[in-house]
Amino acid sequence: MKVKVKICGIRSLKAAQAAIDAGADFLGFNFVLSSQRYIDPSKALEIIKLIRGKTRLVGVFQNADLKNVNVMAVNLGLDLVQLHGNEDNEYISKVTKPVIKSVSLSKQIQRIKAAYFLLDRIKRSRGEMVNLKKAAQLAINFPIFFAGGLNSDNVASIIARVRPQAVDVASGVETNGEQNLEKIRMFIRNAKGVKI
């Protein structure tokens, strides 16, 4: 079995198409206003119209109004919703699409009812990587997306150690804050080269 790959922070058709052509299983569109990777929903829709059906589409939200999340999920044709805030089980249960919930190792995954769990650093794009040994233990029993500190150089060895269901990358395929098409291709190639 090969790990699935999510390229997050899509802001251009070129990056989306490069990721799809290289075999990305998920593309992430960031709708968190405070994020440097934020994309306006209208621009996201322009890209999505041209790639719909080619891969699974994920919308990233953080402590957003639930009704707005569900409306955007329908209007944009999202396949999954990724939550990065303090959303609880009551909130998650009312999201109309399958949920990827961001968690830290300190949180009790057992208490959260989500389709997938994203293990990420507490401070995204900086700080120490999630503990690989603990992540590997969780990946035995839970559908884990592993994120934080990944790049094309280390992704293969981390997949081999953690054996997650998917890996998720944003800053690791960027150069000076912009998505780098060659880095996207290399990341996906190296990730897909590992059998788990």
N, C-alpha and C. Protein backbone atom coordinates (compact mmCIF):
# COMPACT_ATOMS: atom_id res chain seq x y z
N MET A 1 0.83 -1.19 0.00
CA MET A 1 0.00 0.00 0.00
C MET A 1 0.87 1.25 0.00
N LYS A 2 0.44 2.25 -0.75
CA LYS A 2 1.18 3.50 -0.80
C LYS A 2 0.44 4.56 0.01
N VAL A 3 1.22 5.43 0.62
CA VAL A 3 0.63 6.51 1.40
C VAL A 3 -0.07 7.50 0.47
N LYS A 4 -1.12 8.12 0.97
CA LYS A 4 -1.79 9.17 0.18
C LYS A 4 -1.11 10.51 0.48
N VAL A 5 -1.20 11.42 -0.48
CA VAL A 5 -0.51 12.70 -0.36
C VAL A 5 -1.50 13.85 -0.51
N LYS A 6 -1.41 14.79 0.43
CA LYS A 6 -2.20 16.02 0.36
C LYS A 6 -1.26 17.21 0.21
N ILE A 7 -1.46 17.96 -0.85
CA ILE A 7 -0.73 19.21 -1.06
C ILE A 7 -1.65 20.34 -0.61
N CYS A 8 -1.24 21.07 0.40
CA CYS A 8 -2.10 22.08 1.00
C CYS A 8 -1.65 23.49 0.63
N GLY A 9 -2.57 24.43 0.78
CA GLY A 9 -2.24 25.82 0.48
C GLY A 9 -2.26 26.14 -1.00
N ILE A 10 -3.11 25.44 -1.76
CA ILE A 10 -3.21 25.67 -3.20
C ILE A 10 -3.74 27.08 -3.44
N ARG A 11 -3.02 27.84 -4.27
CA ARG A 11 -3.44 29.21 -4.59
C ARG A 11 -3.38 29.51 -6.08
N SER A 12 -3.00 28.53 -6.87
CA SER A 12 -2.93 28.76 -8.33
C SER A 12 -3.30 27.49 -9.07
N LEU A 13 -3.82 27.67 -10.31
CA LEU A 13 -4.16 26.54 -11.14
C LEU A 13 -2.90 25.74 -11.50
N LYS A 14 -1.78 26.44 -11.71
CA LYS A 14 -0.53 25.75 -12.06
C LYS A 14 -0.11 24.77 -10.97
N ALA A 15 -0.16 25.22 -9.72
CA ALA A 15 0.22 24.35 -8.61
C ALA A 15 -0.75 23.18 -8.49
N ALA A 16 -2.05 23.48 -8.63
CA ALA A 16 -3.06 22.42 -8.54
C ALA A 16 -2.84 21.37 -9.62
N GLN A 17 -2.61 21.82 -10.85
CA GLN A 17 -2.43 20.88 -11.96
C GLN A 17 -1.15 20.08 -11.82
N ALA A 18 -0.08 20.74 -11.36
CA ALA A 18 1.20 20.03 -11.16
C ALA A 18 1.03 18.93 -10.12
N ALA A 19 0.31 19.24 -9.04
CA ALA A 19 0.08 18.25 -7.98
C ALA A 19 -0.76 17.08 -8.50
N ILE A 20 -1.80 17.39 -9.25
CA ILE A 20 -2.67 16.34 -9.80
C ILE A 20 -1.88 15.46 -10.76
N ASP A 21 -1.12 16.08 -11.65
CA ASP A 21 -0.34 15.33 -12.63
C ASP A 21 0.69 14.41 -11.96
N ALA A 22 1.19 14.84 -10.80
CA ALA A 22 2.19 14.05 -10.07
C ALA A 22 1.55 12.96 -9.21
N GLY A 23 0.22 12.99 -9.07
CA GLY A 23 -0.46 11.92 -8.34
C GLY A 23 -0.98 12.29 -6.97
N ALA A 24 -1.17 13.58 -6.68
CA ALA A 24 -1.71 13.98 -5.38
C ALA A 24 -3.12 13.42 -5.19
N ASP A 25 -3.38 12.94 -3.98
CA ASP A 25 -4.69 12.37 -3.66
C ASP A 25 -5.67 13.41 -3.12
N PHE A 26 -5.12 14.47 -2.53
CA PHE A 26 -5.93 15.55 -1.97
C PHE A 26 -5.25 16.88 -2.27
N LEU A 27 -6.07 17.91 -2.52
CA LEU A 27 -5.59 19.29 -2.60
C LEU A 27 -6.30 20.09 -1.53
N GLY A 28 -5.54 20.88 -0.77
CA GLY A 28 -6.11 21.68 0.30
C GLY A 28 -6.19 23.15 -0.06
N PHE A 29 -7.35 23.75 0.19
CA PHE A 29 -7.57 25.18 -0.01
C PHE A 29 -7.81 25.80 1.36
N ASN A 30 -7.01 26.78 1.70
CA ASN A 30 -7.00 27.34 3.05
C ASN A 30 -7.93 28.56 3.14
N PHE A 31 -8.98 28.44 3.94
CA PHE A 31 -9.93 29.54 4.10
C PHE A 31 -9.83 30.19 5.48
N VAL A 32 -8.66 30.08 6.10
CA VAL A 32 -8.41 30.73 7.39
C VAL A 32 -7.85 32.12 7.10
N LEU A 33 -8.61 33.16 7.43
CA LEU A 33 -8.25 34.53 7.04
C LEU A 33 -6.86 34.94 7.51
N SER A 34 -6.46 34.47 8.69
CA SER A 34 -5.17 34.89 9.26
C SER A 34 -3.98 34.15 8.65
N SER A 35 -4.23 33.16 7.81
CA SER A 35 -3.15 32.35 7.25
C SER A 35 -2.50 33.03 6.05
N GLN A 36 -1.20 32.85 5.93
CA GLN A 36 -0.48 33.38 4.76
C GLN A 36 -0.86 32.62 3.49
N ARG A 37 -1.51 31.47 3.66
CA ARG A 37 -1.93 30.67 2.49
C ARG A 37 -3.42 30.82 2.20
N TYR A 38 -4.04 31.81 2.80
CA TYR A 38 -5.48 32.05 2.58
C TYR A 38 -5.76 32.26 1.10
N ILE A 39 -6.85 31.66 0.64
CA ILE A 39 -7.33 31.91 -0.72
C ILE A 39 -8.79 32.34 -0.63
N ASP A 40 -9.14 33.36 -1.37
CA ASP A 40 -10.52 33.82 -1.42
C ASP A 40 -11.38 32.72 -2.04
N PRO A 41 -12.54 32.43 -1.45
CA PRO A 41 -13.38 31.35 -1.98
C PRO A 41 -13.72 31.49 -3.47
N SER A 42 -13.89 32.73 -3.95
CA SER A 42 -14.22 32.92 -5.36
C SER A 42 -13.04 32.50 -6.25
N LYS A 43 -11.82 32.78 -5.80
CA LYS A 43 -10.65 32.35 -6.57
C LYS A 43 -10.49 30.84 -6.50
N ALA A 44 -10.76 30.27 -5.31
CA ALA A 44 -10.69 28.81 -5.16
C ALA A 44 -11.66 28.15 -6.13
N LEU A 45 -12.87 28.72 -6.25
CA LEU A 45 -13.88 28.15 -7.14
C LEU A 45 -13.41 28.17 -8.59
N GLU A 46 -12.74 29.24 -9.00
CA GLU A 46 -12.21 29.32 -10.37
C GLU A 46 -11.27 28.15 -10.65
N ILE A 47 -10.41 27.83 -9.67
CA ILE A 47 -9.47 26.71 -9.83
C ILE A 47 -10.22 25.39 -9.79
N ILE A 48 -11.13 25.25 -8.82
CA ILE A 48 -11.86 23.99 -8.62
C ILE A 48 -12.68 23.62 -9.86
N LYS A 49 -13.28 24.61 -10.51
CA LYS A 49 -14.08 24.33 -11.71
C LYS A 49 -13.27 23.61 -12.79
N LEU A 50 -11.97 23.90 -12.83
CA LEU A 50 -11.10 23.35 -13.87
C LEU A 50 -10.45 22.02 -13.48
N ILE A 51 -10.56 21.64 -12.21
CA ILE A 51 -9.90 20.40 -11.76
C ILE A 51 -10.87 19.42 -11.10
N ARG A 52 -12.12 19.80 -10.99
CA ARG A 52 -13.10 18.97 -10.29
C ARG A 52 -13.12 17.55 -10.86
N GLY A 53 -13.13 16.56 -9.98
CA GLY A 53 -13.17 15.17 -10.41
C GLY A 53 -11.80 14.54 -10.62
N LYS A 54 -10.75 15.35 -10.56
CA LYS A 54 -9.40 14.82 -10.80
C LYS A 54 -8.69 14.39 -9.52
N THR A 55 -9.13 14.93 -8.39
CA THR A 55 -8.59 14.56 -7.09
C THR A 55 -9.58 14.99 -6.02
N ARG A 56 -9.32 14.65 -4.77
CA ARG A 56 -10.25 15.03 -3.69
C ARG A 56 -9.89 16.42 -3.16
N LEU A 57 -10.92 17.21 -2.91
CA LEU A 57 -10.75 18.61 -2.54
C LEU A 57 -11.08 18.82 -1.07
N VAL A 58 -10.17 19.53 -0.39
CA VAL A 58 -10.30 19.74 1.05
C VAL A 58 -10.32 21.24 1.34
N GLY A 59 -11.28 21.66 2.14
CA GLY A 59 -11.32 23.05 2.61
C GLY A 59 -10.81 23.12 4.03
N VAL A 60 -9.90 24.04 4.30
CA VAL A 60 -9.30 24.18 5.63
C VAL A 60 -9.94 25.37 6.35
N PHE A 61 -10.45 25.10 7.56
CA PHE A 61 -11.14 26.12 8.35
C PHE A 61 -10.63 26.09 9.79
N GLN A 62 -10.83 27.20 10.50
CA GLN A 62 -10.43 27.28 11.91
C GLN A 62 -11.45 28.10 12.68
N ASN A 63 -12.16 27.45 13.59
CA ASN A 63 -13.16 28.13 14.43
C ASN A 63 -14.12 28.98 13.60
N ALA A 64 -14.50 28.46 12.44
CA ALA A 64 -15.37 29.21 11.53
C ALA A 64 -16.83 28.95 11.86
N ASP A 65 -17.70 29.86 11.44
CA ASP A 65 -19.13 29.69 11.60
C ASP A 65 -19.56 28.41 10.89
N LEU A 66 -20.22 27.51 11.61
CA LEU A 66 -20.57 26.20 11.08
C LEU A 66 -21.42 26.29 9.82
N LYS A 67 -22.41 27.17 9.85
CA LYS A 67 -23.28 27.31 8.67
C LYS A 67 -22.46 27.72 7.45
N ASN A 68 -21.53 28.64 7.66
CA ASN A 68 -20.69 29.10 6.56
C ASN A 68 -19.82 27.97 6.01
N VAL A 69 -19.30 27.14 6.90
CA VAL A 69 -18.48 26.00 6.47
C VAL A 69 -19.30 25.08 5.57
N ASN A 70 -20.51 24.76 5.99
CA ASN A 70 -21.35 23.85 5.21
C ASN A 70 -21.79 24.45 3.89
N VAL A 71 -22.07 25.74 3.88
CA VAL A 71 -22.45 26.41 2.62
C VAL A 71 -21.28 26.40 1.65
N MET A 72 -20.09 26.72 2.15
CA MET A 72 -18.91 26.72 1.29
C MET A 72 -18.59 25.32 0.78
N ALA A 73 -18.77 24.33 1.63
CA ALA A 73 -18.50 22.95 1.21
C ALA A 73 -19.37 22.56 0.02
N VAL A 74 -20.64 22.98 0.06
CA VAL A 74 -21.55 22.69 -1.05
C VAL A 74 -21.21 23.53 -2.28
N ASN A 75 -21.05 24.83 -2.08
CA ASN A 75 -20.82 25.74 -3.21
C ASN A 75 -19.52 25.45 -3.94
N LEU A 76 -18.51 25.01 -3.21
CA LEU A 76 -17.21 24.74 -3.83
C LEU A 76 -17.06 23.28 -4.24
N GLY A 77 -18.00 22.45 -3.82
CA GLY A 77 -17.90 21.04 -4.15
C GLY A 77 -16.76 20.34 -3.42
N LEU A 78 -16.57 20.70 -2.14
CA LEU A 78 -15.50 20.08 -1.36
C LEU A 78 -15.84 18.62 -1.04
N ASP A 79 -14.80 17.79 -0.97
CA ASP A 79 -14.98 16.39 -0.58
C ASP A 79 -14.81 16.20 0.92
N LEU A 80 -13.94 17.01 1.53
CA LEU A 80 -13.69 16.92 2.96
C LEU A 80 -13.52 18.32 3.53
N VAL A 81 -13.71 18.41 4.85
CA VAL A 81 -13.48 19.65 5.59
C VAL A 81 -12.41 19.37 6.64
N GLN A 82 -11.39 20.22 6.67
CA GLN A 82 -10.29 20.10 7.65
C GLN A 82 -10.43 21.21 8.68
N LEU A 83 -10.44 20.81 9.96
CA LEU A 83 -10.68 21.76 11.05
C LEU A 83 -9.44 21.92 11.91
N HIS A 84 -9.03 23.18 12.12
CA HIS A 84 -7.78 23.47 12.83
C HIS A 84 -7.99 24.24 14.12
N GLY A 85 -9.22 24.32 14.59
CA GLY A 85 -9.46 25.13 15.78
C GLY A 85 -9.89 24.30 16.97
N ASN A 86 -10.80 24.87 17.76
CA ASN A 86 -11.29 24.22 18.98
C ASN A 86 -12.63 23.51 18.75
N GLU A 87 -12.87 23.11 17.51
CA GLU A 87 -14.15 22.48 17.18
C GLU A 87 -14.32 21.18 17.97
N ASP A 88 -15.49 21.03 18.61
CA ASP A 88 -15.74 19.84 19.42
C ASP A 88 -16.59 18.84 18.63
N ASN A 89 -16.95 17.72 19.29
CA ASN A 89 -17.70 16.67 18.61
C ASN A 89 -19.07 17.14 18.14
N GLU A 90 -19.69 18.03 18.91
CA GLU A 90 -21.00 18.54 18.49
C GLU A 90 -20.88 19.31 17.17
N TYR A 91 -19.84 20.14 17.08
CA TYR A 91 -19.58 20.89 15.85
C TYR A 91 -19.28 19.92 14.71
N ILE A 92 -18.34 19.00 14.96
CA ILE A 92 -17.91 18.05 13.92
C ILE A 92 -19.10 17.25 13.40
N SER A 93 -20.01 16.85 14.29
CA SER A 93 -21.15 16.02 13.89
C SER A 93 -22.10 16.76 12.95
N LYS A 94 -22.04 18.09 12.95
CA LYS A 94 -22.94 18.89 12.11
C LYS A 94 -22.31 19.33 10.80
N VAL A 95 -21.03 19.00 10.61
CA VAL A 95 -20.39 19.29 9.32
C VAL A 95 -20.88 18.26 8.32
N THR A 96 -21.29 18.71 7.15
CA THR A 96 -21.95 17.83 6.19
C THR A 96 -20.98 17.00 5.35
N LYS A 97 -19.69 17.24 5.48
CA LYS A 97 -18.68 16.46 4.76
C LYS A 97 -17.80 15.73 5.78
N PRO A 98 -17.11 14.65 5.36
CA PRO A 98 -16.17 14.00 6.28
C PRO A 98 -15.13 14.99 6.78
N VAL A 99 -14.74 14.84 8.04
CA VAL A 99 -13.86 15.82 8.70
C VAL A 99 -12.46 15.24 8.94
N ILE A 100 -11.46 16.05 8.62
CA ILE A 100 -10.08 15.83 9.05
C ILE A 100 -9.87 16.79 10.21
N LYS A 101 -9.63 16.27 11.42
CA LYS A 101 -9.48 17.15 12.59
C LYS A 101 -8.01 17.23 12.98
N SER A 102 -7.51 18.44 13.04
CA SER A 102 -6.13 18.66 13.49
C SER A 102 -6.04 18.45 15.00
N VAL A 103 -5.08 17.64 15.41
CA VAL A 103 -4.88 17.36 16.83
C VAL A 103 -3.39 17.40 17.14
N SER A 104 -3.07 17.63 18.40
CA SER A 104 -1.69 17.49 18.86
C SER A 104 -1.61 16.22 19.68
N LEU A 105 -0.42 15.73 19.90
CA LEU A 105 -0.28 14.48 20.65
C LEU A 105 -0.81 14.59 22.06
N SER A 106 -0.88 15.81 22.58
CA SER A 106 -1.36 16.00 23.96
C SER A 106 -2.87 15.83 24.08
N LYS A 107 -3.57 15.92 22.94
CA LYS A 107 -5.03 15.76 22.97
C LYS A 107 -5.39 14.29 22.93
N GLN A 108 -6.56 13.97 23.46
CA GLN A 108 -7.04 12.59 23.46
C GLN A 108 -7.81 12.32 22.17
N ILE A 109 -7.14 11.67 21.22
CA ILE A 109 -7.79 11.36 19.95
C ILE A 109 -9.04 10.51 20.17
N GLN A 110 -8.99 9.63 21.15
CA GLN A 110 -10.11 8.71 21.39
C GLN A 110 -11.42 9.44 21.61
N ARG A 111 -11.36 10.67 22.09
CA ARG A 111 -12.59 11.41 22.41
C ARG A 111 -13.18 12.13 21.20
N ILE A 112 -12.41 12.25 20.15
CA ILE A 112 -12.85 13.04 19.00
C ILE A 112 -13.41 12.12 17.93
N LYS A 113 -14.55 12.49 17.38
CA LYS A 113 -15.19 11.68 16.34
C LYS A 113 -15.01 12.36 14.99
N ALA A 114 -13.96 11.97 14.29
CA ALA A 114 -13.68 12.52 12.97
C ALA A 114 -13.30 11.38 12.03
N ALA A 115 -13.40 11.65 10.73
CA ALA A 115 -13.03 10.61 9.75
C ALA A 115 -11.52 10.38 9.72
N TYR A 116 -10.76 11.47 9.89
CA TYR A 116 -9.30 11.42 9.87
C TYR A 116 -8.76 12.38 10.92
N PHE A 117 -7.51 12.14 11.33
CA PHE A 117 -6.84 13.01 12.29
C PHE A 117 -5.54 13.53 11.68
N LEU A 118 -5.35 14.84 11.76
CA LEU A 118 -4.12 15.45 11.25
C LEU A 118 -3.19 15.73 12.43
N LEU A 119 -2.05 15.05 12.44
CA LEU A 119 -1.04 15.32 13.46
C LEU A 119 -0.12 16.41 12.93
N ASP A 120 -0.08 17.53 13.61
CA ASP A 120 0.72 18.67 13.15
C ASP A 120 1.43 19.30 14.34
N ARG A 121 2.43 20.09 14.03
CA ARG A 121 3.11 20.84 15.09
C ARG A 121 2.14 21.82 15.72
N ILE A 122 2.38 22.14 16.98
CA ILE A 122 1.50 23.08 17.68
C ILE A 122 1.55 24.44 16.99
N LYS A 123 2.75 24.89 16.63
CA LYS A 123 2.90 26.13 15.86
C LYS A 123 3.23 25.74 14.43
N ARG A 124 2.25 25.89 13.54
CA ARG A 124 2.45 25.45 12.17
C ARG A 124 3.54 26.25 11.48
N SER A 125 4.29 25.52 10.64
CA SER A 125 5.40 26.05 9.84
C SER A 125 6.65 26.36 10.66
N ARG A 126 6.61 26.06 11.97
CA ARG A 126 7.83 26.23 12.76
C ARG A 126 7.73 25.36 14.02
N GLY A 127 8.85 25.22 14.68
CA GLY A 127 8.86 24.40 15.89
C GLY A 127 9.23 22.96 15.60
N GLU A 128 9.25 22.18 16.67
CA GLU A 128 9.67 20.79 16.56
C GLU A 128 8.61 19.93 15.89
N MET A 129 9.09 18.95 15.12
CA MET A 129 8.20 18.00 14.47
C MET A 129 7.51 17.15 15.53
N VAL A 130 6.32 16.67 15.20
CA VAL A 130 5.60 15.74 16.08
C VAL A 130 6.50 14.53 16.35
N ASN A 131 6.45 14.02 17.58
CA ASN A 131 7.25 12.85 17.96
C ASN A 131 6.89 11.66 17.07
N LEU A 132 7.88 11.15 16.34
CA LEU A 132 7.61 10.11 15.35
C LEU A 132 7.20 8.79 15.99
N LYS A 133 7.79 8.47 17.12
CA LYS A 133 7.46 7.21 17.79
C LYS A 133 6.01 7.22 18.25
N LYS A 134 5.59 8.32 18.86
CA LYS A 134 4.20 8.43 19.33
C LYS A 134 3.23 8.48 18.15
N ALA A 135 3.64 9.17 17.07
CA ALA A 135 2.80 9.24 15.87
C ALA A 135 2.60 7.85 15.28
N ALA A 136 3.67 7.06 15.25
CA ALA A 136 3.60 5.71 14.71
C ALA A 136 2.65 4.84 15.53
N GLN A 137 2.65 5.03 16.84
CA GLN A 137 1.75 4.26 17.70
C GLN A 137 0.29 4.62 17.41
N LEU A 138 0.02 5.92 17.21
CA LEU A 138 -1.35 6.34 16.90
C LEU A 138 -1.77 5.85 15.51
N ALA A 139 -0.82 5.82 14.57
CA ALA A 139 -1.14 5.43 13.20
C ALA A 139 -1.56 3.96 13.09
N ILE A 140 -1.23 3.16 14.10
CA ILE A 140 -1.65 1.75 14.10
C ILE A 140 -3.17 1.65 14.22
N ASN A 141 -3.76 2.54 15.03
CA ASN A 141 -5.19 2.43 15.36
C ASN A 141 -6.07 3.53 14.78
N PHE A 142 -5.47 4.59 14.26
CA PHE A 142 -6.26 5.73 13.78
C PHE A 142 -5.84 6.13 12.37
N PRO A 143 -6.78 6.66 11.58
CA PRO A 143 -6.46 7.15 10.24
C PRO A 143 -5.75 8.51 10.33
N ILE A 144 -4.43 8.47 10.24
CA ILE A 144 -3.60 9.65 10.50
C ILE A 144 -3.11 10.30 9.21
N PHE A 145 -3.27 11.63 9.16
CA PHE A 145 -2.55 12.47 8.19
C PHE A 145 -1.38 13.06 8.97
N PHE A 146 -0.15 12.84 8.52
CA PHE A 146 1.02 13.37 9.24
C PHE A 146 1.49 14.64 8.54
N ALA A 147 1.69 15.70 9.33
CA ALA A 147 2.10 16.99 8.77
C ALA A 147 3.12 17.66 9.67
N GLY A 148 3.73 18.71 9.18
CA GLY A 148 4.63 19.52 9.99
C GLY A 148 6.08 19.16 9.80
N GLY A 149 6.80 19.96 9.04
CA GLY A 149 8.23 19.75 8.86
C GLY A 149 8.60 18.81 7.73
N LEU A 150 7.61 18.40 6.95
CA LEU A 150 7.89 17.47 5.85
C LEU A 150 8.42 18.21 4.63
N ASN A 151 9.32 17.55 3.91
CA ASN A 151 9.80 18.04 2.62
C ASN A 151 10.22 16.83 1.79
N SER A 152 10.66 17.08 0.57
CA SER A 152 10.98 15.95 -0.31
C SER A 152 12.17 15.14 0.18
N ASP A 153 13.04 15.76 0.98
CA ASP A 153 14.23 15.05 1.48
C ASP A 153 13.90 14.07 2.61
N ASN A 154 12.94 14.42 3.46
CA ASN A 154 12.69 13.58 4.64
C ASN A 154 11.40 12.77 4.58
N VAL A 155 10.55 13.02 3.58
CA VAL A 155 9.22 12.41 3.61
C VAL A 155 9.28 10.88 3.52
N ALA A 156 10.17 10.33 2.73
CA ALA A 156 10.22 8.87 2.58
C ALA A 156 10.59 8.20 3.90
N SER A 157 11.59 8.72 4.58
CA SER A 157 12.03 8.09 5.83
C SER A 157 10.97 8.24 6.92
N ILE A 158 10.26 9.37 6.94
CA ILE A 158 9.22 9.58 7.94
C ILE A 158 8.02 8.67 7.68
N ILE A 159 7.65 8.49 6.42
CA ILE A 159 6.56 7.56 6.09
C ILE A 159 6.92 6.15 6.56
N ALA A 160 8.17 5.75 6.31
CA ALA A 160 8.61 4.41 6.70
C ALA A 160 8.54 4.20 8.21
N ARG A 161 8.79 5.26 8.97
CA ARG A 161 8.77 5.16 10.43
C ARG A 161 7.36 5.28 11.01
N VAL A 162 6.58 6.21 10.50
CA VAL A 162 5.25 6.49 11.07
C VAL A 162 4.15 5.60 10.46
N ARG A 163 4.27 5.33 9.18
CA ARG A 163 3.27 4.56 8.43
C ARG A 163 1.87 5.18 8.54
N PRO A 164 1.76 6.47 8.22
CA PRO A 164 0.44 7.13 8.29
C PRO A 164 -0.40 6.77 7.07
N GLN A 165 -1.67 7.09 7.15
CA GLN A 165 -2.54 6.89 5.99
C GLN A 165 -2.22 7.91 4.90
N ALA A 166 -1.82 9.12 5.34
CA ALA A 166 -1.52 10.18 4.39
C ALA A 166 -0.48 11.13 4.98
N VAL A 167 0.21 11.85 4.10
CA VAL A 167 1.09 12.94 4.52
C VAL A 167 0.53 14.23 3.93
N ASP A 168 0.79 15.32 4.63
CA ASP A 168 0.21 16.62 4.29
C ASP A 168 1.33 17.66 4.32
N VAL A 169 1.49 18.40 3.24
CA VAL A 169 2.59 19.36 3.16
C VAL A 169 2.11 20.71 2.63
N ALA A 170 2.68 21.78 3.18
CA ALA A 170 2.42 23.14 2.68
C ALA A 170 3.76 23.85 2.49
N SER A 171 4.37 24.29 3.60
CA SER A 171 5.63 25.06 3.48
C SER A 171 6.76 24.24 2.88
N GLY A 172 6.72 22.92 3.02
CA GLY A 172 7.79 22.07 2.50
C GLY A 172 7.86 21.99 0.99
N VAL A 173 6.85 22.52 0.30
CA VAL A 173 6.90 22.56 -1.17
C VAL A 173 6.85 24.01 -1.67
N GLU A 174 7.30 24.92 -0.81
CA GLU A 174 7.31 26.33 -1.18
C GLU A 174 8.73 26.88 -1.26
N THR A 175 8.89 27.92 -2.03
CA THR A 175 10.13 28.70 -2.07
C THR A 175 9.74 30.16 -1.90
N ASN A 176 10.25 30.78 -0.84
CA ASN A 176 9.91 32.18 -0.53
C ASN A 176 8.40 32.41 -0.48
N GLY A 177 7.70 31.45 0.14
CA GLY A 177 6.26 31.61 0.34
C GLY A 177 5.40 31.27 -0.86
N GLU A 178 6.00 30.89 -1.97
CA GLU A 178 5.23 30.53 -3.17
C GLU A 178 5.40 29.05 -3.46
N GLN A 179 4.33 28.41 -3.91
CA GLN A 179 4.44 26.99 -4.22
C GLN A 179 5.38 26.77 -5.39
N ASN A 180 6.28 25.81 -5.20
CA ASN A 180 7.31 25.49 -6.19
C ASN A 180 6.90 24.19 -6.88
N LEU A 181 6.67 24.26 -8.18
CA LEU A 181 6.12 23.11 -8.90
C LEU A 181 7.05 21.91 -8.86
N GLU A 182 8.35 22.15 -8.96
CA GLU A 182 9.30 21.03 -8.92
C GLU A 182 9.34 20.39 -7.53
N LYS A 183 9.24 21.22 -6.49
CA LYS A 183 9.20 20.67 -5.12
C LYS A 183 7.94 19.84 -4.91
N ILE A 184 6.83 20.27 -5.48
CA ILE A 184 5.58 19.51 -5.39
C ILE A 184 5.78 18.14 -6.04
N ARG A 185 6.33 18.14 -7.25
CA ARG A 185 6.54 16.88 -7.98
C ARG A 185 7.47 15.95 -7.22
N MET A 186 8.58 16.49 -6.71
CA MET A 186 9.55 15.67 -5.99
C MET A 186 8.96 15.10 -4.71
N PHE A 187 8.20 15.92 -4.00
CA PHE A 187 7.59 15.47 -2.75
C PHE A 187 6.66 14.28 -3.00
N ILE A 188 5.81 14.42 -3.99
CA ILE A 188 4.85 13.36 -4.29
C ILE A 188 5.57 12.10 -4.77
N ARG A 189 6.56 12.27 -5.63
CA ARG A 189 7.32 11.13 -6.13
C ARG A 189 8.01 10.37 -4.99
N ASN A 190 8.64 11.11 -4.09
CA ASN A 190 9.35 10.47 -2.98
C ASN A 190 8.39 9.81 -1.99
N ALA A 191 7.24 10.47 -1.76
CA ALA A 191 6.25 9.89 -0.84
C ALA A 191 5.65 8.62 -1.42
N LYS A 192 5.33 8.64 -2.71
CA LYS A 192 4.69 7.49 -3.34
C LYS A 192 5.67 6.34 -3.58
N GLY A 193 6.96 6.63 -3.43
CA GLY A 193 7.97 5.59 -3.63
C GLY A 193 8.11 4.64 -2.46
N VAL A 194 7.40 4.94 -1.36
CA VAL A 194 7.50 4.10 -0.16
C VAL A 194 6.27 3.22 -0.04
N LYS A 195 6.49 1.93 0.20
CA LYS A 195 5.36 1.01 0.45
C LYS A 195 5.20 0.85 1.95
N ILE A 196 3.96 0.92 2.42
CA ILE A 196 3.73 0.79 3.87
C ILE A 196 2.84 -0.41 4.16
